[in-house]
Every structure is written in structure tokens, then in C-alpha cells.
C-alpha atoms as a PDB file:
ATOM      1  CA  MET A   1     198.159 166.589 114.733  1.00  0.00           C
ATOM      2  CA  THR A   2     195.424 164.068 113.265  1.00  0.00           C
ATOM      3  CA  LYS A   3     195.406 161.859 116.348  1.00  0.00           C
ATOM      4  CA  PHE A   4     194.047 164.648 118.480  1.00  0.00           C
ATOM      5  CA  PHE A   5     192.406 166.433 116.178  1.00  0.00           C
ATOM      6  CA  LYS A   6     190.627 163.635 115.814  1.00  0.00           C
ATOM      7  CA  ILE A   7     190.615 163.118 119.243  1.00  0.00           C
ATOM      8  CA  VAL A   8     188.566 166.264 119.696  1.00  0.00           C
ATOM      9  CA  ALA A   9     186.865 166.566 116.996  1.00  0.00           C
ATOM     10  CA  THR A  10     184.963 163.812 118.831  1.00  0.00           C
ATOM     11  CA  LEU A  11     184.848 165.737 122.077  1.00  0.00           C
ATOM     12  CA  GLU A  12     183.580 168.437 120.295  1.00  0.00           C
ATOM     13  CA  GLY A  13     180.972 166.434 118.560  1.00  0.00           C
ATOM     14  CA  LEU A  14     179.768 164.268 121.948  1.00  0.00           C
ATOM     15  CA  SER A  15     179.567 167.831 124.525  1.00  0.00           C
ATOM     16  CA  LEU A  16     177.487 169.144 121.277  1.00  0.00           C
ATOM     17  CA  LEU A  17     175.013 165.603 122.131  1.00  0.00           C
ATOM     18  CA  PHE A  18     174.887 166.065 125.769  1.00  0.00           C
ATOM     19  CA  LEU A  19     174.068 169.876 125.755  1.00  0.00           C
ATOM     20  CA  PHE A  20     171.051 168.942 122.650  1.00  0.00           C
ATOM     21  CA  CYS A  21     170.081 165.683 124.900  1.00  0.00           C
ATOM     22  CA  VAL A  22     170.932 166.963 128.473  1.00  0.00           C
ATOM     23  CA  ALA A  23     171.530 169.215 129.570  1.00  0.00           C
ATOM     24  CA  MET A  24     168.861 171.800 126.830  1.00  0.00           C
ATOM     25  CA  PRO A  25     166.052 169.182 128.066  1.00  0.00           C
ATOM     26  CA  MET A  26     166.770 169.655 132.223  1.00  0.00           C
ATOM     27  CA  LYS A  27     166.781 173.038 131.868  1.00  0.00           C
ATOM     28  CA  TYR A  28     163.382 174.008 129.788  1.00  0.00           C
ATOM     29  CA  ILE A  29     161.850 170.694 130.983  1.00  0.00           C
ATOM     30  CA  TYR A  30     162.359 170.181 134.742  1.00  0.00           C
ATOM     31  CA  HIS A  31     163.686 174.477 135.291  1.00  0.00           C
ATOM     32  CA  ASP A  32     167.219 173.081 136.424  1.00  0.00           C
ATOM     33  CA  LEU A  33     170.447 174.929 136.046  1.00  0.00           C
ATOM     34  CA  THR A  34     173.205 172.675 137.286  1.00  0.00           C
ATOM     35  CA  LEU A  35     173.886 170.925 133.440  1.00  0.00           C
ATOM     36  CA  LEU A  36     173.507 173.667 131.870  1.00  0.00           C
ATOM     37  CA  LYS A  37     176.821 176.304 132.294  1.00  0.00           C
ATOM     38  CA  PRO A  38     178.799 173.355 132.787  1.00  0.00           C
ATOM     39  CA  ALA A  39     177.344 172.106 129.981  1.00  0.00           C
ATOM     40  CA  GLY A  40     177.662 175.342 126.996  1.00  0.00           C
ATOM     41  CA  LEU A  41     181.395 175.750 128.973  1.00  0.00           C
ATOM     42  CA  THR A  42     182.354 173.139 128.141  1.00  0.00           C
ATOM     43  CA  HIS A  43     180.805 172.864 124.268  1.00  0.00           C
ATOM     44  CA  GLY A  44     182.382 176.340 123.936  1.00  0.00           C
ATOM     45  CA  ILE A  45     186.072 175.513 124.859  1.00  0.00           C
ATOM     46  CA  LEU A  46     185.913 172.115 123.072  1.00  0.00           C
ATOM     47  CA  PHE A  47     184.574 174.240 119.662  1.00  0.00           C
ATOM     48  CA  ILE A  48     187.276 176.893 119.910  1.00  0.00           C
ATOM     49  CA  GLY A  49     189.742 174.201 120.218  1.00  0.00           C
ATOM     50  CA  TYR A  50     188.350 172.325 117.679  1.00  0.00           C
ATOM     51  CA  ILE A  51     188.609 175.192 114.939  1.00  0.00           C
ATOM     52  CA  ILE A  52     191.083 176.014 115.809  1.00  0.00           C
ATOM     53  CA  LEU A  53     193.663 172.685 114.898  1.00  0.00           C
ATOM     54  CA  ALA A  54     191.120 172.790 112.277  1.00  0.00           C
ATOM     55  CA  TYR A  55     192.811 175.733 110.793  1.00  0.00           C
ATOM     56  CA  MET A  56     196.432 175.173 112.135  1.00  0.00           C
ATOM     57  CA  LEU A  57     195.848 171.266 109.702  1.00  0.00           C
ATOM     58  CA  LYS A  58     194.526 173.134 106.929  1.00  0.00           C
ATOM     59  CA  GLU A  59     198.020 175.040 106.892  1.00  0.00           C
ATOM     60  CA  GLU A  60     199.821 172.030 107.981  1.00  0.00           C
ATOM     61  CA  GLN A  61     198.267 169.615 105.368  1.00  0.00           C
ATOM     62  CA  ASN A  62     196.815 172.348 102.550  1.00  0.00           C
ATOM     63  CA  TRP A  63     193.811 171.660 102.599  1.00  0.00           C
ATOM     64  CA  SER A  64     192.130 173.532 100.014  1.00  0.00           C
ATOM     65  CA  PHE A  65     189.381 176.637 101.733  1.00  0.00           C
ATOM     66  CA  LYS A  66     186.370 174.024 100.347  1.00  0.00           C
ATOM     67  CA  LYS A  67     187.960 171.248 103.052  1.00  0.00           C
ATOM     68  CA  PHE A  68     188.367 173.739 105.948  1.00  0.00           C
ATOM     69  CA  PHE A  69     185.491 175.470 105.377  1.00  0.00           C
ATOM     70  CA  ILE A  70     183.532 171.821 105.482  1.00  0.00           C
ATOM     71  CA  VAL A  71     185.056 170.852 108.516  1.00  0.00           C
ATOM     72  CA  ALA A  72     184.987 173.681 110.386  1.00  0.00           C
ATOM     73  CA  ILE A  73     180.976 174.424 109.533  1.00  0.00           C
ATOM     74  CA  ALA A  74     180.272 170.835 110.213  1.00  0.00           C
ATOM     75  CA  SER A  75     181.480 171.794 113.978  1.00  0.00           C
ATOM     76  CA  VAL A  76     178.175 173.767 113.939  1.00  0.00           C
ATOM     77  CA  ILE A  77     175.529 170.507 113.332  1.00  0.00           C
ATOM     78  CA  PRO A  78     174.651 168.055 115.441  1.00  0.00           C
ATOM     79  CA  PHE A  79     176.805 164.435 113.928  1.00  0.00           C
ATOM     80  CA  GLY A  80     178.385 166.113 112.076  1.00  0.00           C
ATOM     81  CA  THR A  81     182.928 166.089 113.771  1.00  0.00           C
ATOM     82  CA  PHE A  82     181.773 162.109 113.436  1.00  0.00           C
ATOM     83  CA  TYR A  83     180.763 162.330 110.252  1.00  0.00           C
ATOM     84  CA  ILE A  84     184.428 164.693 109.066  1.00  0.00           C
ATOM     85  CA  GLU A  85     186.462 161.868 111.060  1.00  0.00           C
ATOM     86  CA  TRP A  86     184.786 159.148 108.803  1.00  0.00           C
ATOM     87  CA  LYS A  87     184.716 161.140 105.407  1.00  0.00           C
ATOM     88  CA  TYR A  88     188.002 163.578 106.032  1.00  0.00           C
ATOM     89  CA  LEU A  89     190.101 162.070 108.925  1.00  0.00           C
ATOM     90  CA  LYS A  90     190.377 157.895 107.359  1.00  0.00           C
ATOM     91  CA  ALA A  91     194.662 156.700 108.131  1.00  0.00           C
ATOM     92  CA  PRO A  92     195.337 155.868 104.849  1.00  0.00           C
ATOM     93  CA  GLN A  93     195.348 152.955 104.028  1.00  0.00           C
ATOM     94  CA  SER A  94     197.819 150.834 103.591  1.00  0.00           C
END
């Protein structure tokens, strides 16, 4: 499940960056709403999936509330999901 969560976390982070760096400038600079709704919907679905999967992983791996809270809050910070993937979801060293 961790691998699937990493994929969703990456996609969620990319969708947030696309929304901020492409869709919103298109709206406010060029007054073009073409990308805003699909980008917003995609990001919203990925955000909900990220939070649900984070909770499922919390239960599966017995995360502390602090770790779960940090992982959840990272989803609303640009580049936050990438940091979480790097810091908290590393593959165990063999």
C-alpha cells in the first residue's frame, strides 16, 4: 500500500503545481477558464485520495498522530507531498 500511496502523493503534488503554475495563471492573466475546472477536479480527487490513503496507512503501520498530522498537512503545502515521500516514506535500508 505504501507504493500506491507514494504514487498518489506524487500525482497530488504535481496536480497542485499544475493548478498553481498553469491553470490559475491562465485564468487570471489570460481570462481563460479552459484548464481550471479539469485541473481543480483532478487535484480535488487526488487530495481526497491522498488523505484517505494516509489514514489507511496510519492504521496499517501504527503511525503516531503527529506523523499522520504532518503527512496530512503536507498535502496543502506546495512541494509538501514530495518532502513527505522523501522524508517519511523511504524504503527501509537493507
